[in-house]
Protein backbone atom coordinates (compact mmCIF):
# COMPACT_ATOMS: atom_id res chain seq x y z
CA MET A 1 65.21 91.38 133.08
CA SER A 2 65.05 94.11 135.71
CA ARG A 3 64.94 97.85 135.42
CA LEU A 4 68.15 99.72 136.38
CA GLU A 5 68.20 102.73 138.63
CA PRO A 6 70.08 105.83 137.33
CA GLY A 7 72.77 105.36 139.98
CA GLN A 8 73.52 101.89 138.57
CA LEU A 9 74.41 103.36 135.18
CA VAL A 10 77.38 105.34 136.50
CA ARG A 11 80.74 103.99 137.58
CA ARG A 12 82.61 106.33 139.87
CA TRP A 13 86.38 106.23 140.25
CA ALA A 14 88.50 107.84 142.93
CA PRO A 15 90.88 110.42 141.39
CA GLU A 16 93.79 108.66 143.12
CA ALA A 17 93.20 105.63 140.86
CA PHE A 18 94.66 107.56 137.92
CA ASP A 19 98.31 108.42 137.36
CA PHE A 20 97.63 111.71 135.53
CA GLU A 21 96.38 115.11 136.58
CA SER A 22 94.33 115.92 133.48
CA THR A 23 93.30 114.13 130.30
CA ALA A 24 95.07 116.93 128.39
CA SER A 25 98.37 115.23 129.24
CA LEU A 26 97.32 111.87 127.73
CA GLU A 27 98.39 110.67 124.28
CA PRO A 28 95.51 110.44 121.79
CA LEU A 29 94.20 106.95 121.12
CA GLU A 30 95.21 105.36 117.83
CA GLY A 31 92.59 103.87 115.53
CA ALA A 32 88.90 103.57 116.18
CA VAL A 33 88.26 102.21 119.67
CA GLY A 34 85.97 99.19 119.64
CA GLN A 35 85.83 99.02 115.84
CA ARG A 36 88.12 96.08 115.07
CA ARG A 37 85.68 94.42 112.65
CA ALA A 38 84.96 97.71 110.89
CA LEU A 39 88.69 98.35 110.40
CA GLU A 40 89.20 94.80 109.10
CA ALA A 41 86.37 95.33 106.60
CA LEU A 42 87.97 98.62 105.57
CA GLU A 43 91.29 96.88 104.91
CA LEU A 44 89.51 94.26 102.82
CA ALA A 45 87.67 96.94 100.83
CA VAL A 46 90.87 98.89 100.10
CA GLY A 47 92.47 95.68 98.85
CA VAL A 48 89.73 94.98 96.29
CA ASP A 49 91.10 96.13 92.94
CA GLN A 50 87.99 95.77 90.80
CA PRO A 51 86.11 98.39 88.80
CA GLY A 52 82.84 99.46 90.36
CA PHE A 53 83.71 98.31 93.89
CA ASN A 54 82.69 100.95 96.43
CA LEU A 55 83.00 101.38 100.16
CA PHE A 56 80.00 102.58 102.15
CA VAL A 57 80.49 103.63 105.77
CA VAL A 58 77.52 104.09 108.10
CA GLY A 59 77.18 104.95 111.77
CA GLU A 60 75.86 107.37 114.28
CA PRO A 61 76.53 111.08 113.71
CA GLU A 62 79.46 112.74 115.50
CA THR A 63 81.25 109.46 116.24
CA GLY A 64 84.39 110.19 114.21
CA ARG A 65 83.68 107.56 111.56
CA PHE A 66 84.66 109.87 108.69
CA GLU A 67 87.96 110.88 110.29
CA ALA A 68 88.78 107.28 111.28
CA THR A 69 87.94 106.02 107.78
CA LEU A 70 89.96 108.73 106.05
CA ARG A 71 92.94 108.19 108.37
CA ARG A 72 92.97 104.41 107.85
CA ILE A 73 92.50 104.64 104.06
CA SER A 74 95.39 107.11 103.92
CA GLU A 75 97.59 104.73 105.91
CA LEU A 76 96.67 101.78 103.68
CA ALA A 77 97.07 103.77 100.46
CA ALA A 78 100.57 104.87 101.48
CA ALA A 79 101.66 101.22 101.27
CA LEU A 80 100.23 100.75 97.75
CA ASP A 81 101.86 101.59 94.44
CA PRO A 82 100.70 104.99 93.19
CA PRO A 83 98.04 104.80 90.47
CA ASP A 84 98.70 105.62 86.84
CA ARG A 85 97.60 109.01 85.53
CA TRP A 86 94.86 109.49 82.94
CA CYS A 87 94.05 112.68 81.10
CA TYR A 88 90.91 113.25 79.04
CA VAL A 89 91.19 115.99 76.42
CA ASN A 90 88.54 117.46 74.12
CA ASN A 91 88.88 115.78 70.74
CA PHE A 92 89.10 118.93 68.60
CA ARG A 93 90.07 116.96 65.48
CA ASP A 94 86.77 115.05 65.40
CA SER A 95 84.47 117.82 66.64
CA ASP A 96 83.21 118.69 63.12
CA PRO A 97 79.59 117.45 62.70
CA ALA A 98 80.27 116.52 59.04
CA ARG A 99 83.11 114.21 60.07
CA ARG A 100 80.95 112.62 62.77
CA ALA A 101 78.40 111.71 60.10
CA GLU A 102 81.10 109.61 58.38
CA ALA A 103 81.13 107.18 61.31
CA PRO A 104 77.53 106.41 62.28
CA GLY A 105 77.12 104.65 65.60
CA ARG A 106 80.37 106.04 66.97
CA ASP A 107 80.50 109.23 68.95
CA ARG A 108 83.50 110.91 67.42
CA ARG A 109 83.18 113.70 69.97
CA ALA A 110 84.44 111.38 72.68
CA PRO A 111 87.43 112.89 74.44
CA ALA A 112 90.90 111.71 73.57
CA ARG A 113 92.32 109.63 76.41
CA ARG A 114 96.00 109.80 77.35
CA HIS A 115 97.81 107.54 79.80
CA ALA A 116 101.03 107.93 81.78
CA PRO A 117 102.53 105.58 84.36
CA ALA A 118 102.74 106.84 87.94
CA GLY A 119 105.36 109.52 88.29
CA ARG A 120 105.22 110.44 84.60
CA GLY A 121 102.01 112.50 84.58
CA ALA A 122 103.82 115.71 83.59
CA ALA A 123 104.44 114.16 80.16
CA LEU A 124 100.70 114.28 79.50
CA GLY A 125 100.85 118.06 79.30
CA ASP A 126 103.41 118.21 76.47
CA PRO A 127 101.06 117.27 73.58
CA CYS A 128 98.44 119.68 74.93
CA ARG A 129 100.56 122.80 74.76
CA THR A 130 99.36 125.51 72.37
CA ARG A 131 101.27 125.51 69.12
CA LYS A 132 102.58 128.82 67.83
């Protein structure tokens, strides 16, 4: 292995080799350049529909990894069915300490859980409205 001189680390191009005046006129690049394997792993991770599965992205600072990850996840999520809606509400009925004593071993203060299929989340608000 031989040591490189600083001049060997630079590739110079004649301006005539390019068919544009300024990089401002170029279209932005799509995707993450040189990150094919990372994007494939991201697609795999988004496709895993298991509880507790997480995605962890690492890389050098200021390389655009967050923006690229967010953009690709948004693209992939747009092709998926929207998730169902869940609403957790304070369980006022079972908040009395005397009633909790009736069921030892069970936390009766646990919030009430309500479910609605995607697109029907507004229905979750109806039972929660204040009664007059």
